[in-house]
Structures are given as structure tokens and as C-alpha cells.
Amino acid sequence: MIRDEALRLFAERGPDAVRLREIASAAGVSPGLVVHHFGSLDGLRTVVDDYVVAALDSLLAEATTGTGRHLYDPAQTGTLAALLTDRLPAGSPMPGYLRRILLSDSVAGQQVFLRLFRVAQAALEAMVAAGLASPGTDPPVRAAFLLVNDLAMLLLQDRVAEVLGVDPLSPEGMRRWAGEVLAVYGAGLRAGPGPDEGSLRPS
């Protein structure tokens, strides 16, 4: 599929480094067909952006309403980034694409972040309504704080893995991360170890 091949190539090399002909070749179609369906490379990038944000939106809606088997539970997932990774198939290019676009100085990156921020606001509102969170004194700042923390797990995944010795979005890494996240969110940096935290640390 053209969109999926574009997403994969954008994630691997960055949207600015990929040409329309390369996407067409990877998808097994002619460049003319790509133009016919998407108008231009920029049009295809917009479709990929919309697809990625819609996928995240769907995940967050499921996580906050509990309509699926993966109800968002920080005690199990630690962050929404971890939940996203858990739901994606192995080798999905979506995390890599998010890294690329969010760290780029582009209008598309700004638009994606703005849309993700709105999703985060809606997710926070849903969790507040369900009694799972407090809106705080400044809800927009709280939503941005939660979003930045979650995105940091995607953006800095490799660096965190290097210093911890475990992929923070792997099952083991998520267990370790969730314990500290809950402790800090619940009681601040003065929080002591949780009841199961000792078992999550390497010997």
C-alpha cells in the first residue's frame, strides 16, 4: 500500500530525504499513480500524518473509555507511549516516524504535535471524568506535561535503553518504568520504593 510504504520510508530516513519515485517503487506502482491518488509528495505526507494521529487518537479513546482489552492503566503500562508500543505490531514504523517528524522543524511536525496535544487534553478530561486523575490548577499545562513525558519515551527510547540496560518500552522495561512513574506521580521525588519495585531492579 502506498501510504504504508511512505510511512516506512519516512520513519527510516525522514520525510525530507524520501522522493516520490522511491515510494512508488517500494509500493510497486508508478509515480503517476501516487500523484493521481495524493496530488503530490506533500499530499502524501499529509495523509501519513493524518493516519498516524488518527491511530493514536483511536488508541487513546480506547484507553480512556475502556472499550477494548487494553484499558489505560498506569500501573500496567506506565505511559501511553508504552501502551502504544504494546498495541503496535513488532517492527512498526510508527514510533520511528513520530521521532522524525516531532524533532523536525516543520509545519507538519507542529501540526502533529498540536493535534496530539488536543488528544492529550481529551484523554485527561476523560480520565478526570472517570475519577482516574485530577485536572490540576492548570489543565492545559498538565495535559502538555503528560504528553511530553509520554513522547519522551518514544523520542529517547534508544538513549534510555543504553543507560538502563533495558528497552524502556519492552515488557521488562515497562514494568520497571511503571513503578517509578507511579511513585513520582503519586508522591513526588520523595516517594520511596513501591511494594514490588525491588523485584523490578536488576540484581
Protein backbone atom coordinates (compact mmCIF):
# COMPACT_ATOMS: atom_id res chain seq x y z
CA MET A 1 0.00 0.00 0.00
CA ILE A 2 1.35 3.42 -0.95
CA ARG A 3 0.63 5.07 2.40
CA ASP A 4 2.24 2.23 4.37
CA GLU A 5 5.39 2.28 2.25
CA ALA A 6 5.58 6.04 2.61
CA LEU A 7 5.27 5.72 6.38
CA ARG A 8 8.03 3.10 6.47
CA LEU A 9 10.43 5.15 4.35
CA PHE A 10 9.66 8.38 6.21
CA ALA A 11 10.38 6.61 9.51
CA GLU A 12 13.66 5.16 8.27
CA ARG A 13 15.13 8.25 6.63
CA GLY A 14 12.94 11.24 7.44
CA PRO A 15 10.24 12.71 5.19
CA ASP A 16 12.56 15.29 3.64
CA ALA A 17 15.01 12.61 2.44
CA VAL A 18 12.45 10.47 0.58
CA ARG A 19 11.43 11.08 -3.01
CA LEU A 20 8.09 10.30 -4.60
CA ARG A 21 9.67 7.87 -7.06
CA GLU A 22 11.19 5.85 -4.20
CA ILE A 23 7.79 5.49 -2.57
CA ALA A 24 6.22 4.44 -5.84
CA SER A 25 8.95 1.87 -6.41
CA ALA A 26 8.60 0.45 -2.90
CA ALA A 27 4.82 0.20 -3.35
CA GLY A 28 5.17 -1.40 -6.79
CA VAL A 29 3.25 1.35 -8.58
CA SER A 30 4.06 4.17 -10.98
CA PRO A 31 4.84 7.71 -9.77
CA GLY A 32 1.85 8.85 -11.78
CA LEU A 33 -0.45 6.68 -9.70
CA VAL A 34 0.89 8.22 -6.50
CA VAL A 35 0.23 11.70 -7.89
CA HIS A 36 -3.23 10.60 -9.04
CA HIS A 37 -4.20 9.47 -5.54
CA PHE A 38 -2.39 12.03 -3.39
CA GLY A 39 -1.70 15.02 -5.63
CA SER A 40 1.94 15.39 -4.60
CA LEU A 41 4.54 14.23 -2.11
CA ASP A 42 3.27 16.87 0.32
CA GLY A 43 -0.24 15.50 -0.12
CA LEU A 44 1.00 12.02 0.71
CA ARG A 45 2.82 13.34 3.79
CA THR A 46 -0.43 14.90 4.95
CA VAL A 47 -2.21 11.57 4.56
CA VAL A 48 0.52 9.81 6.55
CA ASP A 49 0.32 12.47 9.27
CA ASP A 50 -3.46 12.08 9.46
CA TYR A 51 -3.16 8.30 9.61
CA VAL A 52 -0.64 8.34 12.45
CA VAL A 53 -2.60 10.85 14.53
CA ALA A 54 -5.89 9.01 13.90
CA ALA A 55 -4.28 5.77 15.08
CA LEU A 56 -3.10 7.47 18.26
CA ASP A 57 -6.49 9.11 18.72
CA SER A 58 -8.21 5.73 18.44
CA LEU A 59 -5.81 4.19 20.93
CA LEU A 60 -6.32 6.99 23.43
CA ALA A 61 -10.09 6.82 23.05
CA GLU A 62 -9.99 3.08 23.71
CA ALA A 63 -7.62 3.56 26.63
CA THR A 64 -9.73 6.19 28.37
CA THR A 65 -13.15 4.65 27.75
CA GLY A 66 -12.19 1.06 28.39
CA THR A 67 -13.94 -0.22 25.27
CA GLY A 68 -11.07 -2.57 24.40
CA ARG A 69 -8.97 -5.11 26.22
CA HIS A 70 -6.17 -2.59 26.83
CA LEU A 71 -7.82 -0.17 29.26
CA TYR A 72 -5.24 2.50 30.07
CA ASP A 73 -3.89 1.60 33.48
CA PRO A 74 -0.62 3.33 34.50
CA ALA A 75 0.07 0.50 36.93
CA GLN A 76 0.33 -1.85 33.96
CA THR A 77 1.53 0.31 31.08
CA GLY A 78 3.40 3.16 32.79
CA THR A 79 2.75 5.60 29.94
CA LEU A 80 0.58 5.93 26.89
CA ALA A 81 3.75 5.51 24.84
CA ALA A 82 4.17 2.07 26.37
CA LEU A 83 0.54 1.29 25.64
CA LEU A 84 1.02 2.37 22.04
CA THR A 85 4.06 0.15 21.64
CA ASP A 86 2.20 -2.77 23.17
CA ARG A 87 -0.59 -2.42 20.63
CA LEU A 88 1.61 -1.99 17.58
CA PRO A 89 2.93 -4.99 15.67
CA ALA A 90 6.62 -5.78 16.04
CA GLY A 91 8.72 -3.57 13.81
CA SER A 92 6.01 -0.96 13.29
CA PRO A 93 7.44 2.20 11.70
CA MET A 94 5.06 4.46 13.63
CA PRO A 95 7.37 5.21 16.61
CA GLY A 96 10.22 5.97 14.23
CA TYR A 97 8.01 8.26 12.19
CA LEU A 98 6.92 10.15 15.28
CA ARG A 99 10.56 10.62 16.29
CA ARG A 100 11.42 12.03 12.89
CA ILE A 101 8.52 14.41 12.48
CA LEU A 102 8.35 15.70 16.05
CA LEU A 103 12.06 16.55 16.06
CA SER A 104 11.94 18.26 12.70
CA ASP A 105 11.47 21.99 12.25
CA SER A 106 8.48 21.61 10.00
CA VAL A 107 4.90 22.77 9.79
CA ALA A 108 3.83 19.13 9.69
CA GLY A 109 5.64 18.44 12.96
CA GLN A 110 3.95 21.43 14.58
CA GLN A 111 0.55 20.32 13.33
CA VAL A 112 1.02 16.75 14.54
CA PHE A 113 2.11 17.94 17.98
CA LEU A 114 -0.86 20.31 18.19
CA ARG A 115 -3.24 17.50 17.29
CA LEU A 116 -1.59 15.18 19.78
CA PHE A 117 -1.89 17.88 22.42
CA ARG A 118 -5.62 18.10 21.75
CA VAL A 119 -5.86 14.34 22.03
CA ALA A 120 -3.98 14.53 25.34
CA GLN A 121 -6.40 17.18 26.58
CA ALA A 122 -9.37 14.99 25.67
CA ALA A 123 -7.74 11.98 27.32
CA LEU A 124 -7.09 13.94 30.52
CA GLU A 125 -10.69 15.17 30.56
CA ALA A 126 -11.94 11.61 30.15
CA MET A 127 -9.71 10.36 32.97
CA VAL A 128 -10.86 13.20 35.22
CA ALA A 129 -14.50 12.36 34.47
CA ALA A 130 -13.81 8.71 35.31
CA GLY A 131 -12.17 9.66 38.60
CA LEU A 132 -8.75 8.46 37.46
CA ALA A 133 -7.00 11.83 37.52
CA SER A 134 -7.21 15.41 38.74
CA PRO A 135 -7.21 18.31 36.27
CA GLY A 136 -4.81 20.27 38.47
CA THR A 137 -4.82 24.05 38.70
CA ASP A 138 -3.82 24.48 35.04
CA PRO A 139 -5.29 21.64 32.91
CA PRO A 140 -3.58 22.67 29.63
CA VAL A 141 -0.17 22.57 31.33
CA ARG A 142 -0.99 19.22 32.92
CA ALA A 143 -2.05 17.78 29.56
CA ALA A 144 1.13 19.10 27.91
CA PHE A 145 3.24 17.69 30.76
CA LEU A 146 1.70 14.23 30.38
CA LEU A 147 2.08 14.35 26.60
CA VAL A 148 5.73 15.42 26.75
CA ASN A 149 6.52 12.66 29.23
CA ASP A 150 4.90 10.08 27.02
CA LEU A 151 6.54 11.32 23.83
CA ALA A 152 9.94 11.38 25.54
CA MET A 153 9.74 7.60 25.84
CA LEU A 154 9.48 7.39 22.06
CA LEU A 155 11.98 10.12 21.25
CA LEU A 156 14.63 8.96 23.72
CA GLN A 157 13.92 5.22 23.67
CA ASP A 158 17.38 4.24 22.45
CA ARG A 159 19.25 6.55 24.84
CA VAL A 160 17.20 5.40 27.84
CA ALA A 161 17.88 1.78 26.88
CA GLU A 162 21.62 2.47 26.85
CA VAL A 163 21.72 3.86 30.39
CA LEU A 164 19.23 1.40 31.93
CA GLY A 165 20.35 -1.69 30.08
CA VAL A 166 16.79 -2.47 29.01
CA ASP A 167 14.43 -1.15 26.36
CA PRO A 168 12.00 1.06 28.33
CA LEU A 169 9.15 0.02 26.03
CA SER A 170 9.81 -3.72 26.34
CA PRO A 171 7.71 -5.71 28.84
CA GLU A 172 10.57 -5.72 31.38
CA GLY A 173 11.32 -2.06 30.79
CA MET A 174 7.68 -1.07 31.14
CA ARG A 175 7.41 -2.91 34.46
CA ARG A 176 10.43 -1.08 35.83
CA TRP A 177 9.36 2.27 34.41
CA ALA A 178 5.77 1.99 35.64
CA GLY A 179 6.87 1.52 39.25
CA GLU A 180 8.89 4.73 39.30
CA VAL A 181 6.35 6.72 37.29
CA LEU A 182 3.57 5.82 39.69
CA ALA A 183 5.71 6.61 42.73
CA VAL A 184 6.75 10.03 41.42
CA TYR A 185 3.28 10.94 40.13
CA GLY A 186 1.71 9.84 43.40
CA ALA A 187 4.11 11.30 45.95
CA GLY A 188 6.76 13.31 44.15
CA LEU A 189 10.51 12.71 44.20
CA ARG A 190 10.40 11.95 47.92
CA ALA A 191 8.47 8.76 47.19
CA GLY A 192 10.05 5.56 48.49
CA PRO A 193 10.14 2.26 46.60
CA GLY A 194 6.78 0.73 45.72
CA PRO A 195 5.76 -2.67 47.08
CA ASP A 196 7.03 -4.54 44.03
CA GLU A 197 9.81 -2.20 42.97
CA GLY A 198 12.61 -4.27 44.43
CA SER A 199 11.75 -7.20 42.20
CA LEU A 200 11.98 -4.99 39.11
CA ARG A 201 15.54 -3.88 39.67
CA PRO A 202 18.43 -5.82 38.19
CA SER A 203 20.47 -7.77 40.70
